[in-house]
């Protein structure tokens, strides 16, 4: 394992974090009832994590059972000394009073009397930014809890557009940030640099899953990253930036730890550079891969044009169609985590064409992506039926 200073917090964190989002039955209610196999899985991965040198554990109120099972495993099952690891959790309360109340619940569930790192969870758009950071609001309450010693360092996690992330960084309120940045999504590079300039800790969210479902990458990507796996190469790509300090890995079984160890020693040599050159060359496989559409982020159609174009590029250039389907379906949730309409014909017809270069057949590109990624409801029922039968 290798360690990096987590910005101005001065804490030395393992460059791999044990995330707590993916335990068996983890999202099922009631949150405080822990099935035996959930407890067993958590106990195993925590033990493996500490044996591998990981010293940072991350969870959230929104991950349902995660905080409760961590609290039991760390303090009752394994009896890990509290000063031997760093603990991060998150929530997204909208008022100061609710913020303090939820923190108290989390302290109880995690069986601790302080948090090393606490993030306002999901600062995903300008409205949430204003709500979180307003005078007398929840972030101000977190800062009071920091003064009281209950929270050591305050940060935020985000899936927001770049301008919102940078604005939040520039408030100077936060010690660290959790954000998306990977080879297959480099949009937030300026935010990483802005955080680096303020000496903030930088935590990368879900590089293996949201970074392209690299645990089931297509053959085209696997062959390009050899002799490394896509997960190993992407980790080195992220960590070559000294402003990035730790990556949250979805470690849920022993095999994941074996692959993780292949990241080390972290380096960027001629081999890694050749792999990137090969991956970069695939962009030539689609004549429209260079158009990202970020200037169309607030188009009157309501379509999340930049994200759909990105998913289309990953399909056309890297054969990542299954990842495209996985993320495209998330638009149906209509939440701030991945906002925007799917590219149905009725929405496409509302696009403001005045901002689109003449050589870009945007309507065609979006319709093509929709046809590839959209899974009709009747087909989902059939697929689910056969999955259950199997």
Protein backbone atom coordinates (compact mmCIF):
# COMPACT_ATOMS: atom_id res chain seq x y z
CA UNK A 1 0.00 0.00 0.00
CA UNK A 2 1.05 3.58 -0.58
CA UNK A 3 -0.06 6.68 1.31
CA UNK A 4 -0.61 10.33 0.47
CA UNK A 5 -1.16 13.46 2.51
CA UNK A 6 -4.88 14.27 2.23
CA UNK A 7 -4.35 17.94 1.56
CA UNK A 8 -4.67 20.47 4.38
CA UNK A 9 -6.14 17.82 6.68
CA UNK A 10 -2.54 16.57 7.07
CA UNK A 11 -3.80 12.99 7.40
CA UNK A 12 -1.85 10.29 5.57
CA UNK A 13 -4.43 8.17 3.75
CA UNK A 14 -3.98 4.94 1.86
CA UNK A 15 -4.37 5.66 -1.85
CA UNK A 16 -7.15 3.06 -1.89
CA UNK A 17 -10.23 3.62 0.28
CA UNK A 18 -12.61 0.90 1.39
CA UNK A 19 -16.03 2.11 0.28
CA UNK A 20 -19.19 0.94 2.01
CA UNK A 21 -21.83 1.18 -0.70
CA UNK A 22 -22.00 -2.39 -2.01
CA UNK A 23 -22.63 -4.82 0.83
CA UNK A 24 -25.15 -7.64 0.30
CA UNK A 25 -28.69 -6.44 1.06
CA UNK A 26 -27.11 -3.12 1.97
CA UNK A 27 -29.87 -0.98 0.46
CA UNK A 28 -32.74 -2.92 2.02
CA UNK A 29 -34.83 -1.56 4.85
CA UNK A 30 -34.86 -1.61 7.82
CA UNK A 31 -31.41 -0.09 7.99
CA UNK A 32 -30.55 -1.41 11.45
CA UNK A 33 -31.34 -5.08 10.78
CA UNK A 34 -28.17 -6.80 9.53
CA UNK A 35 -28.51 -10.22 7.85
CA UNK A 36 -25.86 -12.79 8.71
CA UNK A 37 -24.34 -12.80 5.22
CA UNK A 38 -24.09 -8.99 5.21
CA UNK A 39 -22.23 -9.09 8.52
CA UNK A 40 -19.97 -11.88 7.29
CA UNK A 41 -19.11 -10.04 4.09
CA UNK A 42 -18.35 -6.80 5.90
CA UNK A 43 -16.19 -8.57 8.46
CA UNK A 44 -14.20 -10.34 5.72
CA UNK A 45 -13.57 -7.25 3.58
CA UNK A 46 -12.63 -5.06 6.55
CA UNK A 47 -10.15 -7.69 7.70
CA UNK A 48 -8.70 -7.99 4.19
CA UNK A 49 -8.55 -4.20 3.87
CA UNK A 50 -6.54 -3.74 7.05
CA UNK A 51 -4.24 -6.60 6.12
CA UNK A 52 -3.65 -4.85 2.76
CA UNK A 53 -2.72 -1.58 4.49
CA UNK A 54 -5.94 0.36 3.82
CA UNK A 55 -6.50 2.89 6.60
CA UNK A 56 -9.51 4.82 5.28
CA UNK A 57 -13.14 3.68 5.42
CA UNK A 58 -15.93 5.58 3.68
CA UNK A 59 -19.69 5.26 4.08
CA UNK A 60 -22.83 7.43 4.16
CA UNK A 61 -26.21 7.78 5.81
CA UNK A 62 -27.72 7.18 2.37
CA UNK A 63 -26.09 3.75 2.05
CA UNK A 64 -28.74 2.32 4.40
CA UNK A 65 -27.24 -0.63 6.36
CA UNK A 66 -23.62 0.36 5.71
CA UNK A 67 -23.04 2.52 8.79
CA UNK A 68 -24.69 0.01 11.11
CA UNK A 69 -22.74 -2.98 9.83
CA UNK A 70 -19.47 -1.04 9.89
CA UNK A 71 -20.19 0.00 13.47
CA UNK A 72 -20.69 -3.60 14.53
CA UNK A 73 -17.72 -5.03 12.61
CA UNK A 74 -15.17 -2.38 13.56
CA UNK A 75 -16.10 -2.19 17.23
CA UNK A 76 -17.65 -5.51 18.21
CA UNK A 77 -16.56 -8.16 15.70
CA UNK A 78 -12.94 -7.13 15.05
CA UNK A 79 -12.44 -4.60 17.88
CA UNK A 80 -10.22 -2.37 15.75
CA UNK A 81 -8.62 0.49 17.73
CA UNK A 82 -10.34 3.71 16.64
CA UNK A 83 -7.05 5.58 16.23
CA UNK A 84 -5.75 3.01 13.71
CA UNK A 85 -8.01 4.09 10.82
CA UNK A 86 -9.68 7.17 9.39
CA UNK A 87 -13.48 7.21 9.05
CA UNK A 88 -15.47 9.23 6.52
CA UNK A 89 -19.23 9.47 6.31
CA UNK A 90 -21.75 11.74 4.62
CA UNK A 91 -25.35 12.95 4.57
CA UNK A 92 -27.39 15.64 2.86
CA UNK A 93 -29.62 17.28 5.44
CA UNK A 94 -31.15 20.54 4.25
CA UNK A 95 -31.27 22.43 7.58
CA UNK A 96 -28.84 23.00 10.42
CA UNK A 97 -31.11 21.28 12.94
CA UNK A 98 -31.55 18.19 10.78
CA UNK A 99 -27.84 18.14 10.05
CA UNK A 100 -26.93 17.89 13.72
CA UNK A 101 -29.63 15.31 14.37
CA UNK A 102 -28.42 13.02 11.56
CA UNK A 103 -24.79 13.34 12.70
CA UNK A 104 -25.85 12.19 16.15
CA UNK A 105 -27.63 9.17 14.65
CA UNK A 106 -24.55 8.34 12.59
CA UNK A 107 -22.27 8.54 15.61
CA UNK A 108 -24.53 6.03 17.32
CA UNK A 109 -24.72 3.67 14.33
CA UNK A 110 -20.98 3.74 13.72
CA UNK A 111 -20.29 3.44 17.47
CA UNK A 112 -17.80 6.29 17.53
CA UNK A 113 -17.56 9.69 19.20
CA UNK A 114 -16.01 11.54 16.26
CA UNK A 115 -15.63 11.48 12.47
CA UNK A 116 -12.30 12.15 10.81
CA UNK A 117 -14.03 13.36 7.65
CA UNK A 118 -17.62 14.41 7.08
CA UNK A 119 -19.00 15.39 3.67
CA UNK A 120 -22.22 17.09 2.67
CA UNK A 121 -23.47 14.37 0.35
CA UNK A 122 -24.55 15.12 -3.20
CA UNK A 123 -23.88 18.80 -3.78
CA UNK A 124 -25.08 18.15 -7.32
CA UNK A 125 -26.47 21.41 -8.69
CA UNK A 126 -26.66 25.14 -8.02
CA UNK A 127 -29.85 24.85 -5.97
CA UNK A 128 -28.33 22.25 -3.64
CA UNK A 129 -25.13 24.32 -3.45
CA UNK A 130 -27.16 27.32 -2.27
CA UNK A 131 -29.12 25.21 0.22
CA UNK A 132 -26.06 23.56 1.70
CA UNK A 133 -23.86 26.63 1.94
CA UNK A 134 -26.31 29.36 2.91
CA UNK A 135 -25.79 31.30 6.14
CA UNK A 136 -27.18 29.32 9.04
CA UNK A 137 -27.46 26.23 6.87
CA UNK A 138 -26.22 22.63 7.13
CA UNK A 139 -22.60 23.23 6.14
CA UNK A 140 -22.33 25.99 8.71
CA UNK A 141 -23.61 23.50 11.28
CA UNK A 142 -20.95 20.99 10.21
CA UNK A 143 -18.33 23.68 10.78
CA UNK A 144 -19.73 24.20 14.29
CA UNK A 145 -19.46 20.46 14.88
CA UNK A 146 -15.85 20.73 13.74
CA UNK A 147 -15.23 23.40 16.35
CA UNK A 148 -16.72 21.03 18.94
CA UNK A 149 -14.35 18.24 17.88
CA UNK A 150 -17.13 15.89 16.75
CA UNK A 151 -16.03 16.29 13.14
CA UNK A 152 -12.36 16.81 12.35
CA UNK A 153 -12.63 17.90 8.71
CA UNK A 154 -15.57 19.05 6.56
CA UNK A 155 -15.92 18.41 2.84
CA UNK A 156 -18.49 17.70 0.16
CA UNK A 157 -19.25 15.01 -2.39
CA UNK A 158 -20.56 15.94 -5.80
CA UNK A 159 -21.91 14.77 -9.15
CA UNK A 160 -22.47 18.40 -10.21
CA UNK A 161 -21.59 20.24 -13.41
CA UNK A 162 -18.04 21.56 -13.43
CA UNK A 163 -18.96 25.21 -12.73
CA UNK A 164 -20.89 24.23 -9.59
CA UNK A 165 -18.00 22.14 -8.28
CA UNK A 166 -15.51 24.96 -8.83
CA UNK A 167 -17.83 27.48 -7.16
CA UNK A 168 -18.11 25.21 -4.11
CA UNK A 169 -14.34 24.81 -3.95
CA UNK A 170 -13.85 28.56 -4.14
CA UNK A 171 -16.05 29.22 -1.09
CA UNK A 172 -13.12 28.12 1.05
CA UNK A 173 -15.54 26.31 3.37
CA UNK A 174 -14.25 22.81 2.71
CA UNK A 175 -11.18 20.76 3.58
CA UNK A 176 -11.76 18.01 1.01
CA UNK A 177 -13.85 16.98 -1.99
CA UNK A 178 -15.23 13.68 -3.31
CA UNK A 179 -15.75 13.80 -7.08
CA UNK A 180 -15.69 11.86 -10.34
CA UNK A 181 -12.53 11.81 -12.43
CA UNK A 182 -11.23 8.88 -14.52
CA UNK A 183 -9.66 8.19 -17.87
CA UNK A 184 -13.11 7.69 -19.39
CA UNK A 185 -14.45 10.91 -17.84
CA UNK A 186 -11.88 13.69 -17.52
CA UNK A 187 -14.36 16.56 -17.44
CA UNK A 188 -13.55 17.44 -13.82
CA UNK A 189 -9.82 17.91 -14.36
CA UNK A 190 -10.12 21.70 -13.76
CA UNK A 191 -11.93 21.00 -10.48
CA UNK A 192 -9.13 18.69 -9.37
CA UNK A 193 -6.65 21.47 -10.12
CA UNK A 194 -8.77 24.05 -8.30
CA UNK A 195 -8.89 21.79 -5.23
CA UNK A 196 -5.15 21.22 -5.49
CA UNK A 197 -4.56 24.97 -5.53
CA UNK A 198 -6.46 25.25 -2.23
CA UNK A 199 -4.63 22.24 -0.78
CA UNK A 200 -7.86 20.27 -0.41
CA UNK A 201 -7.97 16.52 -0.02
CA UNK A 202 -9.21 14.91 -3.25
CA UNK A 203 -11.13 11.63 -3.12
CA UNK A 204 -12.16 9.93 -6.38
CA UNK A 205 -15.60 8.33 -6.36
CA UNK A 206 -16.15 4.86 -7.83
CA UNK A 207 -13.34 4.62 -10.40
CA UNK A 208 -14.14 0.98 -11.18
CA UNK A 209 -17.92 1.23 -11.55
CA UNK A 210 -18.84 4.79 -12.55
CA UNK A 211 -15.44 4.93 -14.23
CA UNK A 212 -16.71 2.51 -16.89
CA UNK A 213 -17.66 -0.76 -15.15
CA UNK A 214 -14.04 -1.74 -15.62
CA UNK A 215 -14.55 -5.05 -13.82
CA UNK A 216 -16.33 -6.20 -16.99
CA UNK A 217 -14.56 -4.09 -19.57
CA UNK A 218 -14.90 -5.11 -23.23
CA UNK A 219 -12.10 -7.03 -24.95
CA UNK A 220 -11.02 -3.91 -26.85
CA UNK A 221 -10.21 -2.13 -23.57
CA UNK A 222 -8.74 -5.21 -21.87
CA UNK A 223 -6.36 -5.84 -24.74
CA UNK A 224 -5.28 -2.19 -24.83
CA UNK A 225 -4.36 -2.07 -21.14
CA UNK A 226 -2.29 -5.26 -21.07
CA UNK A 227 -0.17 -6.24 -19.14
CA UNK A 228 -2.34 -4.37 -16.61
CA UNK A 229 -6.05 -4.86 -16.09
CA UNK A 230 -8.31 -1.88 -16.93
CA UNK A 231 -8.84 -1.34 -13.19
CA UNK A 232 -5.12 -1.28 -12.48
CA UNK A 233 -4.31 1.03 -15.36
CA UNK A 234 -7.12 3.47 -14.58
CA UNK A 235 -5.96 3.66 -10.95
CA UNK A 236 -2.46 4.58 -12.09
CA UNK A 237 -3.93 7.11 -14.53
CA UNK A 238 -5.79 8.82 -11.68
CA UNK A 239 -2.92 8.66 -9.22
CA UNK A 240 -0.36 10.08 -11.62
CA UNK A 241 -1.89 13.43 -10.61
CA UNK A 242 -0.32 14.37 -7.29
CA UNK A 243 -3.45 16.37 -6.45
CA UNK A 244 -5.45 13.14 -6.22
CA UNK A 245 -4.99 11.34 -2.94
CA UNK A 246 -7.28 8.31 -2.67
CA UNK A 247 -9.64 6.22 -4.81
CA UNK A 248 -12.77 4.53 -3.48
CA UNK A 249 -12.72 0.88 -4.57
CA UNK A 250 -15.75 -1.42 -4.56
CA UNK A 251 -13.96 -4.14 -2.63
CA UNK A 252 -16.43 -6.87 -1.74
CA UNK A 253 -14.44 -10.13 -2.06
CA UNK A 254 -10.91 -11.47 -1.81
CA UNK A 255 -10.33 -11.45 -5.58
CA UNK A 256 -10.81 -7.68 -5.65
CA UNK A 257 -7.93 -7.23 -3.21
CA UNK A 258 -5.66 -9.42 -5.32
CA UNK A 259 -6.30 -7.22 -8.36
CA UNK A 260 -5.88 -4.05 -6.26
CA UNK A 261 -2.38 -5.11 -5.23
CA UNK A 262 -1.35 -5.05 -8.90
CA UNK A 263 -1.63 -1.26 -8.84
CA UNK A 264 1.53 -1.03 -6.78
CA UNK A 265 4.01 0.42 -6.99
CA UNK A 266 2.08 3.37 -8.37
CA UNK A 267 4.05 4.74 -11.29
CA UNK A 268 3.67 6.33 -14.70
CA UNK A 269 6.26 4.81 -16.98
CA UNK A 270 6.65 4.23 -20.69
CA UNK A 271 4.32 1.23 -20.41
CA UNK A 272 1.47 3.27 -18.94
CA UNK A 273 2.08 6.01 -21.51
CA UNK A 274 1.83 3.54 -24.38
CA UNK A 275 -1.42 2.20 -23.00
CA UNK A 276 -2.89 5.70 -22.89
CA UNK A 277 -1.70 6.38 -26.45
CA UNK A 278 -3.46 3.21 -27.59
CA UNK A 279 -6.68 4.13 -25.80
CA UNK A 280 -6.47 7.69 -27.12
CA UNK A 281 -6.10 6.36 -30.66
CA UNK A 282 -9.52 4.72 -30.45
CA UNK A 283 -11.12 8.17 -30.50
CA UNK A 284 -10.43 8.19 -34.23
CA UNK A 285 -12.93 5.34 -34.60
CA UNK A 286 -15.79 7.84 -34.49
CA UNK A 287 -15.69 11.14 -36.43
CA UNK A 288 -17.82 12.90 -33.80
CA UNK A 289 -15.94 11.81 -30.68
CA UNK A 290 -14.39 15.28 -30.29
CA UNK A 291 -17.75 17.03 -29.82
CA UNK A 292 -18.70 16.90 -26.14
CA UNK A 293 -21.67 19.29 -26.19
CA UNK A 294 -20.99 20.89 -22.81
CA UNK A 295 -22.25 24.23 -24.10
CA UNK A 296 -25.65 22.53 -24.46
CA UNK A 297 -25.92 21.46 -20.82
CA UNK A 298 -29.07 23.58 -20.23
CA UNK A 299 -30.74 23.00 -23.58
CA UNK A 300 -34.54 23.56 -23.60
CA UNK A 301 -35.04 19.93 -24.65
CA UNK A 302 -34.14 18.87 -21.12
CA UNK A 303 -31.86 16.17 -22.52
CA UNK A 304 -28.54 15.69 -20.76
CA UNK A 305 -26.76 16.12 -24.07
CA UNK A 306 -23.14 16.06 -22.81
CA UNK A 307 -23.60 12.83 -20.86
CA UNK A 308 -25.43 11.03 -23.66
CA UNK A 309 -22.73 12.07 -26.12
CA UNK A 310 -20.11 10.76 -23.70
CA UNK A 311 -21.87 7.41 -23.41
CA UNK A 312 -22.18 7.26 -27.19
CA UNK A 313 -18.44 7.97 -27.56
CA UNK A 314 -17.59 5.17 -25.13
CA UNK A 315 -19.75 2.80 -27.16
CA UNK A 316 -18.41 3.83 -30.56
CA UNK A 317 -14.75 4.12 -29.60
CA UNK A 318 -14.36 1.54 -26.83
CA UNK A 319 -17.22 -0.97 -27.32
CA UNK A 320 -18.61 0.04 -23.91
CA UNK A 321 -22.27 -0.38 -24.84
CA UNK A 322 -23.18 -2.26 -21.64
CA UNK A 323 -21.88 0.64 -19.57
CA UNK A 324 -23.94 2.99 -21.74
CA UNK A 325 -27.11 1.01 -21.03
CA UNK A 326 -26.30 0.90 -17.32
CA UNK A 327 -25.92 4.67 -17.05
CA UNK A 328 -28.65 5.57 -19.55
CA UNK A 329 -31.26 3.78 -17.49
CA UNK A 330 -30.34 6.00 -14.51
CA UNK A 331 -31.92 8.98 -16.29
CA UNK A 332 -35.28 7.35 -15.57
CA UNK A 333 -34.78 8.05 -11.86
CA UNK A 334 -35.19 11.77 -12.63
CA UNK A 335 -32.93 12.68 -9.74
CA UNK A 336 -30.16 15.19 -9.25
CA UNK A 337 -27.60 12.36 -9.23
CA UNK A 338 -27.85 12.02 -13.02
CA UNK A 339 -30.36 14.60 -14.25
CA UNK A 340 -31.86 15.00 -17.68
CA UNK A 341 -34.32 13.43 -20.09
CA UNK A 342 -33.63 10.45 -22.28
CA UNK A 343 -33.37 11.22 -26.00
CA UNK A 344 -36.89 10.34 -27.06
CA UNK A 345 -37.98 11.89 -30.36
CA UNK A 346 -40.30 14.37 -28.65
CA UNK A 347 -37.39 15.70 -26.58
CA UNK A 348 -34.98 15.77 -29.53
CA UNK A 349 -37.39 17.99 -31.45
CA UNK A 350 -37.08 20.66 -28.71
CA UNK A 351 -33.30 21.07 -29.08
CA UNK A 352 -32.04 24.61 -29.70
CA UNK A 353 -30.10 24.09 -32.93
CA UNK A 354 -28.57 27.59 -32.96
CA UNK A 355 -25.67 26.50 -30.72
CA UNK A 356 -24.75 23.40 -32.68
CA UNK A 357 -21.91 23.41 -35.25
CA UNK A 358 -23.16 22.76 -38.79
CA UNK A 359 -21.01 19.67 -39.17
CA UNK A 360 -22.51 17.95 -36.12
CA UNK A 361 -25.69 15.91 -36.84
CA UNK A 362 -26.71 16.11 -33.19
CA UNK A 363 -30.26 14.84 -33.60
CA UNK A 364 -28.98 11.79 -35.39
CA UNK A 365 -26.28 11.13 -32.78
CA UNK A 366 -28.74 11.35 -29.90
CA UNK A 367 -31.32 9.18 -31.66
CA UNK A 368 -28.64 6.60 -32.38
CA UNK A 369 -27.55 6.54 -28.74
CA UNK A 370 -31.15 6.24 -27.54
CA UNK A 371 -31.80 3.33 -29.91
CA UNK A 372 -28.69 1.56 -28.59
CA UNK A 373 -29.09 2.21 -24.88
CA UNK A 374 -32.82 2.36 -24.22
CA UNK A 375 -34.24 -0.91 -22.97
CA UNK A 376 -37.98 -1.21 -23.55
CA UNK A 377 -40.01 -1.98 -20.40
CA UNK A 378 -41.42 -5.22 -21.85
CA UNK A 379 -37.91 -6.47 -22.56
CA UNK A 380 -36.83 -5.70 -19.00
CA UNK A 381 -39.67 -7.87 -17.73
CA UNK A 382 -38.62 -10.74 -19.99
CA UNK A 383 -34.96 -10.36 -19.00
CA UNK A 384 -35.87 -10.26 -15.30
CA UNK A 385 -38.05 -13.36 -15.70
CA UNK A 386 -35.29 -15.39 -17.31
CA UNK A 387 -32.78 -14.09 -14.76
CA UNK A 388 -34.96 -15.33 -11.92
CA UNK A 389 -35.57 -18.67 -13.64
CA UNK A 390 -31.85 -19.09 -14.25
